[in-house]
PDB file of N, CA and C in Angstrom:
ATOM      1  N   MET A   1      37.989  58.330  20.948  1.00  0.00           N
ATOM      2  CA  MET A   1      37.473  57.469  19.916  1.00  0.00           C
ATOM      3  C   MET A   1      36.761  58.336  18.880  1.00  0.00           C
ATOM      4  N   VAL A   2      37.105  58.129  17.628  1.00  0.00           N
ATOM      5  CA  VAL A   2      36.515  58.903  16.543  1.00  0.00           C
ATOM      6  C   VAL A   2      35.735  57.969  15.622  1.00  0.00           C
ATOM      7  N   ILE A   3      34.470  58.279  15.437  1.00  0.00           N
ATOM      8  CA  ILE A   3      33.654  57.550  14.471  1.00  0.00           C
ATOM      9  C   ILE A   3      33.892  58.216  13.123  1.00  0.00           C
ATOM     10  N   ARG A   4      34.258  57.427  12.144  1.00  0.00           N
ATOM     11  CA  ARG A   4      34.482  57.958  10.799  1.00  0.00           C
ATOM     12  C   ARG A   4      33.541  57.268   9.824  1.00  0.00           C
ATOM     13  N   VAL A   5      32.828  58.082   9.059  1.00  0.00           N
ATOM     14  CA  VAL A   5      31.906  57.581   8.052  1.00  0.00           C
ATOM     15  C   VAL A   5      32.504  57.932   6.696  1.00  0.00           C
ATOM     16  N   PHE A   6      32.875  56.906   5.952  1.00  0.00           N
ATOM     17  CA  PHE A   6      33.448  57.108   4.628  1.00  0.00           C
ATOM     18  C   PHE A   6      32.308  57.215   3.628  1.00  0.00           C
ATOM     19  N   VAL A   7      32.274  58.348   2.924  1.00  0.00           N
ATOM     20  CA  VAL A   7      31.199  58.656   1.984  1.00  0.00           C
ATOM     21  C   VAL A   7      31.790  59.027   0.633  1.00  0.00           C
ATOM     22  N   ALA A   8      30.909  59.097  -0.361  1.00  0.00           N
ATOM     23  CA  ALA A   8      31.293  59.557  -1.698  1.00  0.00           C
ATOM     24  C   ALA A   8      30.375  60.721  -2.051  1.00  0.00           C
ATOM     25  N   SER A   9      30.905  61.932  -1.968  1.00  0.00           N
ATOM     26  CA  SER A   9      30.070  63.117  -2.190  1.00  0.00           C
ATOM     27  C   SER A   9      29.590  63.238  -3.625  1.00  0.00           C
ATOM     28  N   SER A  10      30.309  62.662  -4.542  1.00  0.00           N
ATOM     29  CA  SER A  10      29.915  62.804  -5.944  1.00  0.00           C
ATOM     30  C   SER A  10      29.370  61.508  -6.536  1.00  0.00           C
ATOM     31  N   SER A  11      28.769  60.689  -5.711  1.00  0.00           N
ATOM     32  CA  SER A  11      28.183  59.443  -6.196  1.00  0.00           C
ATOM     33  C   SER A  11      26.981  59.746  -7.088  1.00  0.00           C
ATOM     34  N   GLY A  12      26.865  59.008  -8.166  1.00  0.00           N
ATOM     35  CA  GLY A  12      25.718  59.158  -9.051  1.00  0.00           C
ATOM     36  C   GLY A  12      24.556  58.282  -8.622  1.00  0.00           C
ATOM     37  N   SER A  13      24.762  57.464  -7.606  1.00  0.00           N
ATOM     38  CA  SER A  13      23.733  56.535  -7.151  1.00  0.00           C
ATOM     39  C   SER A  13      22.850  57.181  -6.092  1.00  0.00           C
ATOM     40  N   VAL A  14      21.566  57.231  -6.374  1.00  0.00           N
ATOM     41  CA  VAL A  14      20.606  57.783  -5.410  1.00  0.00           C
ATOM     42  C   VAL A  14      20.574  56.912  -4.155  1.00  0.00           C
ATOM     43  N   ALA A  15      20.662  55.597  -4.324  1.00  0.00           N
ATOM     44  CA  ALA A  15      20.628  54.686  -3.179  1.00  0.00           C
ATOM     45  C   ALA A  15      21.812  54.940  -2.244  1.00  0.00           C
ATOM     46  N   ILE A  16      22.993  55.113  -2.799  1.00  0.00           N
ATOM     47  CA  ILE A  16      24.174  55.382  -1.971  1.00  0.00           C
ATOM     48  C   ILE A  16      24.019  56.715  -1.251  1.00  0.00           C
ATOM     49  N   LYS A  17      23.541  57.729  -1.947  1.00  0.00           N
ATOM     50  CA  LYS A  17      23.342  59.039  -1.314  1.00  0.00           C
ATOM     51  C   LYS A  17      22.362  58.942  -0.150  1.00  0.00           C
ATOM     52  N   LYS A  18      21.258  58.213  -0.338  1.00  0.00           N
ATOM     53  CA  LYS A  18      20.260  58.068   0.724  1.00  0.00           C
ATOM     54  C   LYS A  18      20.828  57.310   1.912  1.00  0.00           C
ATOM     55  N   ARG A  19      21.614  56.274   1.641  1.00  0.00           N
ATOM     56  CA  ARG A  19      22.216  55.500   2.730  1.00  0.00           C
ATOM     57  C   ARG A  19      23.198  56.364   3.522  1.00  0.00           C
ATOM     58  N   GLN A  20      24.006  57.135   2.821  1.00  0.00           N
ATOM     59  CA  GLN A  20      24.954  58.032   3.486  1.00  0.00           C
ATOM     60  C   GLN A  20      24.211  59.038   4.356  1.00  0.00           C
ATOM     61  N   GLN A  21      23.143  59.628   3.804  1.00  0.00           N
ATOM     62  CA  GLN A  21      22.345  60.601   4.554  1.00  0.00           C
ATOM     63  C   GLN A  21      21.714  59.964   5.780  1.00  0.00           C
ATOM     64  N   ASP A  22      21.251  58.731   5.646  1.00  0.00           N
ATOM     65  CA  ASP A  22      20.621  58.030   6.763  1.00  0.00           C
ATOM     66  C   ASP A  22      21.601  57.879   7.921  1.00  0.00           C
ATOM     67  N   VAL A  23      22.827  57.458   7.611  1.00  0.00           N
ATOM     68  CA  VAL A  23      23.844  57.278   8.657  1.00  0.00           C
ATOM     69  C   VAL A  23      24.181  58.620   9.304  1.00  0.00           C
ATOM     70  N   VAL A  24      24.458  59.622   8.479  1.00  0.00           N
ATOM     71  CA  VAL A  24      24.856  60.937   8.988  1.00  0.00           C
ATOM     72  C   VAL A  24      23.742  61.559   9.821  1.00  0.00           C
ATOM     73  N   ARG A  25      22.525  61.506   9.344  1.00  0.00           N
ATOM     74  CA  ARG A  25      21.398  62.092  10.096  1.00  0.00           C
ATOM     75  C   ARG A  25      21.188  61.394  11.427  1.00  0.00           C
ATOM     76  N   PHE A  26      21.319  60.083  11.437  1.00  0.00           N
ATOM     77  CA  PHE A  26      21.164  59.352  12.692  1.00  0.00           C
ATOM     78  C   PHE A  26      22.226  59.783  13.697  1.00  0.00           C
ATOM     79  N   LEU A  27      23.470  59.857  13.258  1.00  0.00           N
ATOM     80  CA  LEU A  27      24.559  60.253  14.151  1.00  0.00           C
ATOM     81  C   LEU A  27      24.340  61.670  14.669  1.00  0.00           C
ATOM     82  N   GLU A  28      23.928  62.572  13.787  1.00  0.00           N
ATOM     83  CA  GLU A  28      23.661  63.958  14.202  1.00  0.00           C
ATOM     84  C   GLU A  28      22.499  64.017  15.194  1.00  0.00           C
ATOM     85  N   ALA A  29      21.416  63.305  14.885  1.00  0.00           N
ATOM     86  CA  ALA A  29      20.228  63.336  15.744  1.00  0.00           C
ATOM     87  C   ALA A  29      20.517  62.782  17.134  1.00  0.00           C
ATOM     88  N   ASN A  30      21.438  61.848  17.216  1.00  0.00           N
ATOM     89  CA  ASN A  30      21.773  61.238  18.498  1.00  0.00           C
ATOM     90  C   ASN A  30      23.027  61.839  19.121  1.00  0.00           C
ATOM     91  N   ARG A  31      23.450  62.960  18.543  1.00  0.00           N
ATOM     92  CA  ARG A  31      24.601  63.714  19.066  1.00  0.00           C
ATOM     93  C   ARG A  31      25.841  62.846  19.233  1.00  0.00           C
ATOM     94  N   ILE A  32      26.061  62.002  18.245  1.00  0.00           N
ATOM     95  CA  ILE A  32      27.257  61.172  18.229  1.00  0.00           C
ATOM     96  C   ILE A  32      28.290  61.897  17.378  1.00  0.00           C
ATOM     97  N   GLU A  33      29.415  62.220  17.970  1.00  0.00           N
ATOM     98  CA  GLU A  33      30.452  62.923  17.229  1.00  0.00           C
ATOM     99  C   GLU A  33      31.045  61.987  16.183  1.00  0.00           C
ATOM    100  N   PHE A  34      31.231  62.532  14.987  1.00  0.00           N
ATOM    101  CA  PHE A  34      31.780  61.725  13.909  1.00  0.00           C
ATOM    102  C   PHE A  34      32.501  62.624  12.920  1.00  0.00           C
ATOM    103  N   GLU A  35      33.284  61.983  12.086  1.00  0.00           N
ATOM    104  CA  GLU A  35      33.999  62.668  11.015  1.00  0.00           C
ATOM    105  C   GLU A  35      33.547  62.047   9.694  1.00  0.00           C
ATOM    106  N   GLU A  36      33.151  62.885   8.775  1.00  0.00           N
ATOM    107  CA  GLU A  36      32.772  62.428   7.451  1.00  0.00           C
ATOM    108  C   GLU A  36      34.022  62.469   6.581  1.00  0.00           C
ATOM    109  N   VAL A  37      34.366  61.333   5.972  1.00  0.00           N
ATOM    110  CA  VAL A  37      35.562  61.230   5.140  1.00  0.00           C
ATOM    111  C   VAL A  37      35.110  60.991   3.705  1.00  0.00           C
ATOM    112  N   ASP A  38      35.390  61.946   2.842  1.00  0.00           N
ATOM    113  CA  ASP A  38      34.956  61.879   1.444  1.00  0.00           C
ATOM    114  C   ASP A  38      36.024  61.166   0.611  1.00  0.00           C
ATOM    115  N   ILE A  39      35.710  59.951   0.169  1.00  0.00           N
ATOM    116  CA  ILE A  39      36.688  59.168  -0.592  1.00  0.00           C
ATOM    117  C   ILE A  39      36.831  59.636  -2.037  1.00  0.00           C
ATOM    118  N   THR A  40      35.917  60.488  -2.489  1.00  0.00           N
ATOM    119  CA  THR A  40      36.051  60.982  -3.861  1.00  0.00           C
ATOM    120  C   THR A  40      37.067  62.107  -3.955  1.00  0.00           C
ATOM    121  N   MET A  41      37.461  62.649  -2.811  1.00  0.00           N
ATOM    122  CA  MET A  41      38.401  63.770  -2.796  1.00  0.00           C
ATOM    123  C   MET A  41      39.829  63.336  -2.499  1.00  0.00           C
ATOM    124  N   SER A  42      40.026  62.067  -2.132  1.00  0.00           N
ATOM    125  CA  SER A  42      41.359  61.618  -1.762  1.00  0.00           C
ATOM    126  C   SER A  42      41.550  60.145  -2.091  1.00  0.00           C
ATOM    127  N   GLU A  43      42.425  59.871  -3.011  1.00  0.00           N
ATOM    128  CA  GLU A  43      42.743  58.483  -3.362  1.00  0.00           C
ATOM    129  C   GLU A  43      43.347  57.764  -2.158  1.00  0.00           C
ATOM    130  N   GLU A  44      44.130  58.488  -1.375  1.00  0.00           N
ATOM    131  CA  GLU A  44      44.758  57.904  -0.185  1.00  0.00           C
ATOM    132  C   GLU A  44      43.700  57.418   0.812  1.00  0.00           C
ATOM    133  N   LYS A  45      42.668  58.224   1.040  1.00  0.00           N
ATOM    134  CA  LYS A  45      41.602  57.847   1.977  1.00  0.00           C
ATOM    135  C   LYS A  45      40.767  56.690   1.420  1.00  0.00           C
ATOM    136  N   ARG A  46      40.544  56.704   0.120  1.00  0.00           N
ATOM    137  CA  ARG A  46      39.795  55.619  -0.511  1.00  0.00           C
ATOM    138  C   ARG A  46      40.553  54.301  -0.345  1.00  0.00           C
ATOM    139  N   GLN A  47      41.858  54.339  -0.615  1.00  0.00           N
ATOM    140  CA  GLN A  47      42.669  53.128  -0.487  1.00  0.00           C
ATOM    141  C   GLN A  47      42.744  52.662   0.961  1.00  0.00           C
ATOM    142  N   TRP A  48      42.837  53.629   1.901  1.00  0.00           N
ATOM    143  CA  TRP A  48      42.864  53.258   3.315  1.00  0.00           C
ATOM    144  C   TRP A  48      41.575  52.524   3.674  1.00  0.00           C
ATOM    145  N   MET A  49      40.433  53.051   3.222  1.00  0.00           N
ATOM    146  CA  MET A  49      39.149  52.415   3.503  1.00  0.00           C
ATOM    147  C   MET A  49      39.131  50.998   2.936  1.00  0.00           C
ATOM    148  N   TYR A  50      39.506  50.838   1.669  1.00  0.00           N
ATOM    149  CA  TYR A  50      39.492  49.515   1.034  1.00  0.00           C
ATOM    150  C   TYR A  50      40.365  48.527   1.796  1.00  0.00           C
ATOM    151  N   LYS A  51      41.549  48.960   2.192  1.00  0.00           N
ATOM    152  CA  LYS A  51      42.517  48.061   2.847  1.00  0.00           C
ATOM    153  C   LYS A  51      42.121  47.702   4.270  1.00  0.00           C
ATOM    154  N   ASN A  52      41.316  48.520   4.914  1.00  0.00           N
ATOM    155  CA  ASN A  52      40.986  48.289   6.316  1.00  0.00           C
ATOM    156  C   ASN A  52      39.629  47.644   6.544  1.00  0.00           C
ATOM    157  N   ILE A  53      38.968  47.275   5.475  1.00  0.00           N
ATOM    158  CA  ILE A  53      37.744  46.479   5.608  1.00  0.00           C
ATOM    159  C   ILE A  53      38.200  45.019   5.619  1.00  0.00           C
ATOM    160  N   PRO A  54      37.845  44.274   6.658  1.00  0.00           N
ATOM    161  CA  PRO A  54      38.302  42.879   6.748  1.00  0.00           C
ATOM    162  C   PRO A  54      37.949  42.086   5.493  1.00  0.00           C
ATOM    163  N   GLU A  55      38.809  41.153   5.165  1.00  0.00           N
ATOM    164  CA  GLU A  55      38.647  40.360   3.948  1.00  0.00           C
ATOM    165  C   GLU A  55      37.300  39.654   3.896  1.00  0.00           C
ATOM    166  N   ASP A  56      36.854  39.151   5.047  1.00  0.00           N
ATOM    167  CA  ASP A  56      35.569  38.440   5.068  1.00  0.00           C
ATOM    168  C   ASP A  56      34.367  39.366   4.927  1.00  0.00           C
ATOM    169  N   ARG A  57      34.583  40.670   4.967  1.00  0.00           N
ATOM    170  CA  ARG A  57      33.507  41.650   4.811  1.00  0.00           C
ATOM    171  C   ARG A  57      33.562  42.339   3.443  1.00  0.00           C
ATOM    172  N   GLN A  58      34.517  41.947   2.602  1.00  0.00           N
ATOM    173  CA  GLN A  58      34.657  42.511   1.259  1.00  0.00           C
ATOM    174  C   GLN A  58      33.565  41.923   0.354  1.00  0.00           C
ATOM    175  N   PRO A  59      33.089  42.716  -0.602  1.00  0.00           N
ATOM    176  CA  PRO A  59      32.096  42.169  -1.548  1.00  0.00           C
ATOM    177  C   PRO A  59      32.736  41.101  -2.441  1.00  0.00           C
ATOM    178  N   ALA A  60      31.923  40.198  -2.939  1.00  0.00           N
ATOM    179  CA  ALA A  60      32.430  39.132  -3.809  1.00  0.00           C
ATOM    180  C   ALA A  60      33.046  39.713  -5.078  1.00  0.00           C
ATOM    181  N   GLN A  61      32.474  40.810  -5.568  1.00  0.00           N
ATOM    182  CA  GLN A  61      32.992  41.454  -6.773  1.00  0.00           C
ATOM    183  C   GLN A  61      33.103  42.951  -6.538  1.00  0.00           C
ATOM    184  N   GLY A  62      34.117  43.553  -7.108  1.00  0.00           N
ATOM    185  CA  GLY A  62      34.278  45.002  -7.045  1.00  0.00           C
ATOM    186  C   GLY A  62      34.754  45.485  -5.690  1.00  0.00           C
ATOM    187  N   ASN A  63      34.703  46.790  -5.519  1.00  0.00           N
ATOM    188  CA  ASN A  63      35.146  47.432  -4.287  1.00  0.00           C
ATOM    189  C   ASN A  63      33.958  47.682  -3.358  1.00  0.00           C
ATOM    190  N   PRO A  64      34.228  47.787  -2.052  1.00  0.00           N
ATOM    191  CA  PRO A  64      33.156  48.116  -1.107  1.00  0.00           C
ATOM    192  C   PRO A  64      32.587  49.507  -1.410  1.00  0.00           C
ATOM    193  N   LEU A  65      31.282  49.631  -1.285  1.00  0.00           N
ATOM    194  CA  LEU A  65      30.623  50.908  -1.554  1.00  0.00           C
ATOM    195  C   LEU A  65      30.374  51.667  -0.257  1.00  0.00           C
ATOM    196  N   PRO A  66      30.406  52.994  -0.328  1.00  0.00           N
ATOM    197  CA  PRO A  66      30.074  53.785   0.855  1.00  0.00           C
ATOM    198  C   PRO A  66      28.573  53.708   1.127  1.00  0.00           C
ATOM    199  N   PRO A  67      28.167  54.000   2.338  1.00  0.00           N
ATOM    200  CA  PRO A  67      28.992  54.388   3.466  1.00  0.00           C
ATOM    201  C   PRO A  67      29.633  53.176   4.143  1.00  0.00           C
ATOM    202  N   GLN A  68      30.852  53.373   4.607  1.00  0.00           N
ATOM    203  CA  GLN A  68      31.575  52.398   5.419  1.00  0.00           C
ATOM    204  C   GLN A  68      31.903  53.098   6.733  1.00  0.00           C
ATOM    205  N   ILE A  69      31.756  52.395   7.838  1.00  0.00           N
ATOM    206  CA  ILE A  69      31.862  53.033   9.146  1.00  0.00           C
ATOM    207  C   ILE A  69      32.987  52.401   9.965  1.00  0.00           C
ATOM    208  N   PHE A  70      33.811  53.281  10.552  1.00  0.00           N
ATOM    209  CA  PHE A  70      34.928  52.857  11.388  1.00  0.00           C
ATOM    210  C   PHE A  70      34.866  53.592  12.716  1.00  0.00           C
ATOM    211  N   SER A  71      35.367  52.950  13.754  1.00  0.00           N
ATOM    212  CA  SER A  71      35.581  53.586  15.046  1.00  0.00           C
ATOM    213  C   SER A  71      37.088  53.565  15.242  1.00  0.00           C
ATOM    214  N   ASP A  72      37.710  54.743  15.126  1.00  0.00           N
ATOM    215  CA  ASP A  72      39.169  54.838  15.012  1.00  0.00           C
ATOM    216  C   ASP A  72      39.574  53.962  13.828  1.00  0.00           C
ATOM    217  N   ASP A  73      40.413  52.963  14.060  1.00  0.00           N
ATOM    218  CA  ASP A  73      40.833  52.084  12.959  1.00  0.00           C
ATOM    219  C   ASP A  73      40.047  50.775  12.927  1.00  0.00           C
ATOM    220  N   ARG A  74      39.098  50.614  13.842  1.00  0.00           N
ATOM    221  CA  ARG A  74      38.300  49.386  13.905  1.00  0.00           C
ATOM    222  C   ARG A  74      37.115  49.493  12.956  1.00  0.00           C
ATOM    223  N   TYR A  75      36.991  48.500  12.105  1.00  0.00           N
ATOM    224  CA  TYR A  75      35.877  48.471  11.160  1.00  0.00           C
ATOM    225  C   TYR A  75      34.594  48.092  11.891  1.00  0.00           C
ATOM    226  N   CYS A  76      33.574  48.943  11.765  1.00  0.00           N
ATOM    227  CA  CYS A  76      32.268  48.662  12.369  1.00  0.00           C
ATOM    228  C   CYS A  76      31.376  47.921  11.379  1.00  0.00           C
ATOM    229  N   GLY A  77      31.309  48.446  10.148  1.00  0.00           N
ATOM    230  CA  GLY A  77      30.478  47.796   9.149  1.00  0.00           C
ATOM    231  C   GLY A  77      30.032  48.744   8.065  1.00  0.00           C
ATOM    232  N   ASP A  78      29.200  48.200   7.198  1.00  0.00           N
ATOM    233  CA  ASP A  78      28.663  48.965   6.080  1.00  0.00           C
ATOM    234  C   ASP A  78      27.238  49.401   6.414  1.00  0.00           C
ATOM    235  N   TYR A  79      26.519  49.871   5.408  1.00  0.00           N
ATOM    236  CA  TYR A  79      25.169  50.365   5.663  1.00  0.00           C
ATOM    237  C   TYR A  79      24.246  49.259   6.167  1.00  0.00           C
ATOM    238  N   GLU A  80      24.354  48.063   5.600  1.00  0.00           N
ATOM    239  CA  GLU A  80      23.464  46.978   6.026  1.00  0.00           C
ATOM    240  C   GLU A  80      23.652  46.678   7.511  1.00  0.00           C
ATOM    241  N   GLY A  81      24.905  46.619   7.962  1.00  0.00           N
ATOM    242  CA  GLY A  81      25.168  46.388   9.376  1.00  0.00           C
ATOM    243  C   GLY A  81      24.641  47.518  10.239  1.00  0.00           C
ATOM    244  N   PHE A  82      24.841  48.744   9.769  1.00  0.00           N
ATOM    245  CA  PHE A  82      24.323  49.907  10.498  1.00  0.00           C
ATOM    246  C   PHE A  82      22.799  49.838  10.589  1.00  0.00           C
ATOM    247  N   PHE A  83      22.146  49.559   9.462  1.00  0.00           N
ATOM    248  CA  PHE A  83      20.684  49.507   9.424  1.00  0.00           C
ATOM    249  C   PHE A  83      20.156  48.441  10.381  1.00  0.00           C
ATOM    250  N   GLU A  84      20.772  47.250  10.358  1.00  0.00           N
ATOM    251  CA  GLU A  84      20.339  46.180  11.256  1.00  0.00           C
ATOM    252  C   GLU A  84      20.488  46.602  12.714  1.00  0.00           C
ATOM    253  N   SER A  85      21.598  47.261  13.031  1.00  0.00           N
ATOM    254  CA  SER A  85      21.806  47.694  14.417  1.00  0.00           C
ATOM    255  C   SER A  85      20.817  48.797  14.803  1.00  0.00           C
ATOM    256  N   LYS A  86      20.471  49.647  13.842  1.00  0.00           N
ATOM    257  CA  LYS A  86      19.494  50.704  14.104  1.00  0.00           C
ATOM    258  C   LYS A  86      18.123  50.089  14.387  1.00  0.00           C
ATOM    259  N   GLU A  87      17.750  49.107  13.605  1.00  0.00           N
ATOM    260  CA  GLU A  87      16.448  48.451  13.778  1.00  0.00           C
ATOM    261  C   GLU A  87      16.358  47.704  15.105  1.00  0.00           C
ATOM    262  N   SER A  88      17.474  47.188  15.578  1.00  0.00           N
ATOM    263  CA  SER A  88      17.472  46.431  16.836  1.00  0.00           C
ATOM    264  C   SER A  88      17.939  47.271  18.029  1.00  0.00           C
ATOM    265  N   ASN A  89      18.052  48.595  17.815  1.00  0.00           N
ATOM    266  CA  ASN A  89      18.475  49.525  18.876  1.00  0.00           C
ATOM    267  C   ASN A  89      19.827  49.147  19.485  1.00  0.00           C
ATOM    268  N   THR A  90      20.763  48.732  18.624  1.00  0.00           N
ATOM    269  CA  THR A  90      22.100  48.365  19.099  1.00  0.00           C
ATOM    270  C   THR A  90      23.192  49.173  18.387  1.00  0.00           C
ATOM    271  N   VAL A  91      22.852  50.364  17.924  1.00  0.00           N
ATOM    272  CA  VAL A  91      23.818  51.173  17.173  1.00  0.00           C
ATOM    273  C   VAL A  91      25.044  51.508  18.010  1.00  0.00           C
ATOM    274  N   PHE A  92      24.835  51.827  19.284  1.00  0.00           N
ATOM    275  CA  PHE A  92      25.987  52.179  20.117  1.00  0.00           C
ATOM    276  C   PHE A  92      26.944  50.999  20.237  1.00  0.00           C
ATOM    277  N   SER A  93      26.408  49.807  20.378  1.00  0.00           N
ATOM    278  CA  SER A  93      27.244  48.611  20.417  1.00  0.00           C
ATOM    279  C   SER A  93      27.937  48.416  19.066  1.00  0.00           C
ATOM    280  N   PHE A  94      27.206  48.597  17.980  1.00  0.00           N
ATOM    281  CA  PHE A  94      27.755  48.496  16.619  1.00  0.00           C
ATOM    282  C   PHE A  94      28.949  49.435  16.458  1.00  0.00           C
ATOM    283  N   LEU A  95      28.832  50.636  17.019  1.00  0.00           N
ATOM    284  CA  LEU A  95      29.888  51.641  16.905  1.00  0.00           C
ATOM    285  C   LEU A  95      30.967  51.488  17.975  1.00  0.00           C
ATOM    286  N   GLY A  96      30.749  50.593  18.930  1.00  0.00           N
ATOM    287  CA  GLY A  96      31.707  50.418  20.014  1.00  0.00           C
ATOM    288  C   GLY A  96      31.633  51.529  21.047  1.00  0.00           C
ATOM    289  N   LEU A  97      30.438  52.133  21.204  1.00  0.00           N
ATOM    290  CA  LEU A  97      30.238  53.241  22.138  1.00  0.00           C
ATOM    291  C   LEU A  97      29.300  52.818  23.262  1.00  0.00           C
ATOM    292  N   LYS A  98      29.380  53.547  24.366  1.00  0.00           N
ATOM    293  CA  LYS A  98      28.406  53.376  25.436  1.00  0.00           C
ATOM    294  C   LYS A  98      27.230  54.289  25.127  1.00  0.00           C
ATOM    295  N   PRO A  99      26.002  53.803  25.325  1.00  0.00           N
ATOM    296  CA  PRO A  99      24.841  54.662  25.063  1.00  0.00           C
ATOM    297  C   PRO A  99      24.872  55.895  25.958  1.00  0.00           C
ATOM    298  N   ASN A 100      24.500  57.033  25.382  1.00  0.00           N
ATOM    299  CA  ASN A 100      24.417  58.246  26.192  1.00  0.00           C
ATOM    300  C   ASN A 100      22.965  58.488  26.577  1.00  0.00           C
ATOM    301  N   LEU A 101      22.747  59.404  27.487  1.00  0.00           N
ATOM    302  CA  LEU A 101      21.400  59.681  27.975  1.00  0.00           C
ATOM    303  C   LEU A 101      20.471  60.111  26.851  1.00  0.00           C
ATOM    304  N   ALA A 102      20.968  60.936  25.934  1.00  0.00           N
ATOM    305  CA  ALA A 102      20.119  61.414  24.831  1.00  0.00           C
ATOM    306  C   ALA A 102      19.612  60.243  23.999  1.00  0.00           C
ATOM    307  N   SER A 103      20.462  59.242  23.776  1.00  0.00           N
ATOM    308  CA  SER A 103      20.026  58.103  22.968  1.00  0.00           C
ATOM    309  C   SER A 103      18.996  57.274  23.721  1.00  0.00           C
ATOM    310  N   LYS A 104      19.173  57.127  25.046  1.00  0.00           N
ATOM    311  CA  LYS A 104      18.207  56.372  25.828  1.00  0.00           C
ATOM    312  C   LYS A 104      16.848  57.065  25.796  1.00  0.00           C
ATOM    313  N   VAL A 105      16.846  58.369  25.938  1.00  0.00           N
ATOM    314  CA  VAL A 105      15.601  59.128  25.876  1.00  0.00           C
ATOM    315  C   VAL A 105      14.968  58.961  24.496  1.00  0.00           C
ATOM    316  N   SER A 106      15.787  58.992  23.454  1.00  0.00           N
ATOM    317  CA  SER A 106      15.291  58.825  22.090  1.00  0.00           C
ATOM    318  C   SER A 106      14.632  57.458  21.916  1.00  0.00           C
ATOM    319  N   VAL A 107      15.260  56.406  22.423  1.00  0.00           N
ATOM    320  CA  VAL A 107      14.701  55.057  22.323  1.00  0.00           C
ATOM    321  C   VAL A 107      13.391  54.973  23.093  1.00  0.00           C
ATOM    322  N   ILE A 108      13.369  55.537  24.291  1.00  0.00           N
ATOM    323  CA  ILE A 108      12.143  55.524  25.095  1.00  0.00           C
ATOM    324  C   ILE A 108      11.023  56.275  24.367  1.00  0.00           C
ATOM    325  N   TRP A 109      11.358  57.422  23.802  1.00  0.00           N
ATOM    326  CA  TRP A 109      10.359  58.219  23.084  1.00  0.00           C
ATOM    327  C   TRP A 109       9.843  57.458  21.867  1.00  0.00           C
ATOM    328  N   GLN A 110      10.727  56.814  21.115  1.00  0.00           N
ATOM    329  CA  GLN A 110      10.303  56.045  19.946  1.00  0.00           C
ATOM    330  C   GLN A 110       9.379  54.904  20.367  1.00  0.00           C
ATOM    331  N   THR A 111       9.707  54.235  21.468  1.00  0.00           N
ATOM    332  CA  THR A 111       8.869  53.151  21.973  1.00  0.00           C
ATOM    333  C   THR A 111       7.501  53.679  22.389  1.00  0.00           C
ATOM    334  N   PHE A 112       7.489  54.798  23.100  1.00  0.00           N
ATOM    335  CA  PHE A 112       6.242  55.414  23.540  1.00  0.00           C
ATOM    336  C   PHE A 112       5.377  55.789  22.330  1.00  0.00           C
ATOM    337  N   ARG A 113       6.003  56.381  21.303  1.00  0.00           N
ATOM    338  CA  ARG A 113       5.251  56.749  20.091  1.00  0.00           C
ATOM    339  C   ARG A 113       4.664  55.515  19.425  1.00  0.00           C
ATOM    340  N   GLY A 114       5.430  54.414  19.419  1.00  0.00           N
ATOM    341  CA  GLY A 114       4.926  53.169  18.841  1.00  0.00           C
ATOM    342  C   GLY A 114       3.720  52.636  19.583  1.00  0.00           C
ATOM    343  N   ILE A 115       3.774  52.715  20.906  1.00  0.00           N
ATOM    344  CA  ILE A 115       2.646  52.263  21.726  1.00  0.00           C
ATOM    345  C   ILE A 115       1.425  53.138  21.474  1.00  0.00           C
ATOM    346  N   LEU A 116       1.625  54.443  21.411  1.00  0.00           N
ATOM    347  CA  LEU A 116       0.513  55.344  21.116  1.00  0.00           C
ATOM    348  C   LEU A 116      -0.110  55.034  19.758  1.00  0.00           C
ATOM    349  N   GLU A 117       0.726  54.736  18.792  1.00  0.00           N
ATOM    350  CA  GLU A 117       0.222  54.409  17.447  1.00  0.00           C
ATOM    351  C   GLU A 117      -0.607  53.129  17.481  1.00  0.00           C
ATOM    352  N   ILE A 118      -0.174  52.141  18.247  1.00  0.00           N
ATOM    353  CA  ILE A 118      -0.935  50.893  18.378  1.00  0.00           C
ATOM    354  C   ILE A 118      -2.307  51.180  18.980  1.00  0.00           C
ATOM    355  N   PHE A 119      -2.346  51.994  20.043  1.00  0.00           N
ATOM    356  CA  PHE A 119      -3.631  52.351  20.650  1.00  0.00           C
ATOM    357  C   PHE A 119      -4.503  53.124  19.674  1.00  0.00           C
ATOM    358  N   ARG A 120      -3.909  54.023  18.925  1.00  0.00           N
ATOM    359  CA  ARG A 120      -4.657  54.835  17.971  1.00  0.00           C
ATOM    360  C   ARG A 120      -5.308  53.937  16.924  1.00  0.00           C
ATOM    361  N   LEU A 121      -4.566  52.944  16.444  1.00  0.00           N
ATOM    362  CA  LEU A 121      -5.086  52.062  15.410  1.00  0.00           C
ATOM    363  C   LEU A 121      -6.127  51.077  15.951  1.00  0.00           C
ATOM    364  N   SER A 122      -6.022  50.733  17.231  1.00  0.00           N
ATOM    365  CA  SER A 122      -6.935  49.749  17.794  1.00  0.00           C
ATOM    366  C   SER A 122      -8.228  50.365  18.341  1.00  0.00           C
ATOM    367  N   CYS A 123      -8.242  51.677  18.532  1.00  0.00           N
ATOM    368  CA  CYS A 123      -9.441  52.348  19.036  1.00  0.00           C
ATOM    369  C   CYS A 123     -10.279  52.858  17.859  1.00  0.00           C
ATOM    370  N   PRO A 124     -11.603  52.670  17.944  1.00  0.00           N
ATOM    371  CA  PRO A 124     -12.461  53.139  16.833  1.00  0.00           C
ATOM    372  C   PRO A 124     -12.544  54.636  16.734  1.00  0.00           C
TER     373      PRO A 124
END
């Protein structure tokens, strides 16, 4: 199974660049193997991305913006879907993967840090 993140390396939008970086950094930090596909370098790849996003997930106007995420040929979602899954600790499910030990440790560590922060703020 190959996770593919469709990006635009020459995007003029700061928001798109930040979203792409967020997805890529998360995957790298959690040691999730992925392939970055630059749609600005290949019309064929751009068209493949557009055609393989389900109709009900297409924007009302214009073309879908990167990042768009696929697992093999299965569409996972766009940045909003990724962000929601990240916030709810369901990224592996979003990507169609089984959680690995490193990700479980990461979630536990994040939870522990959150608890420590709560204690820090509640203690004088």
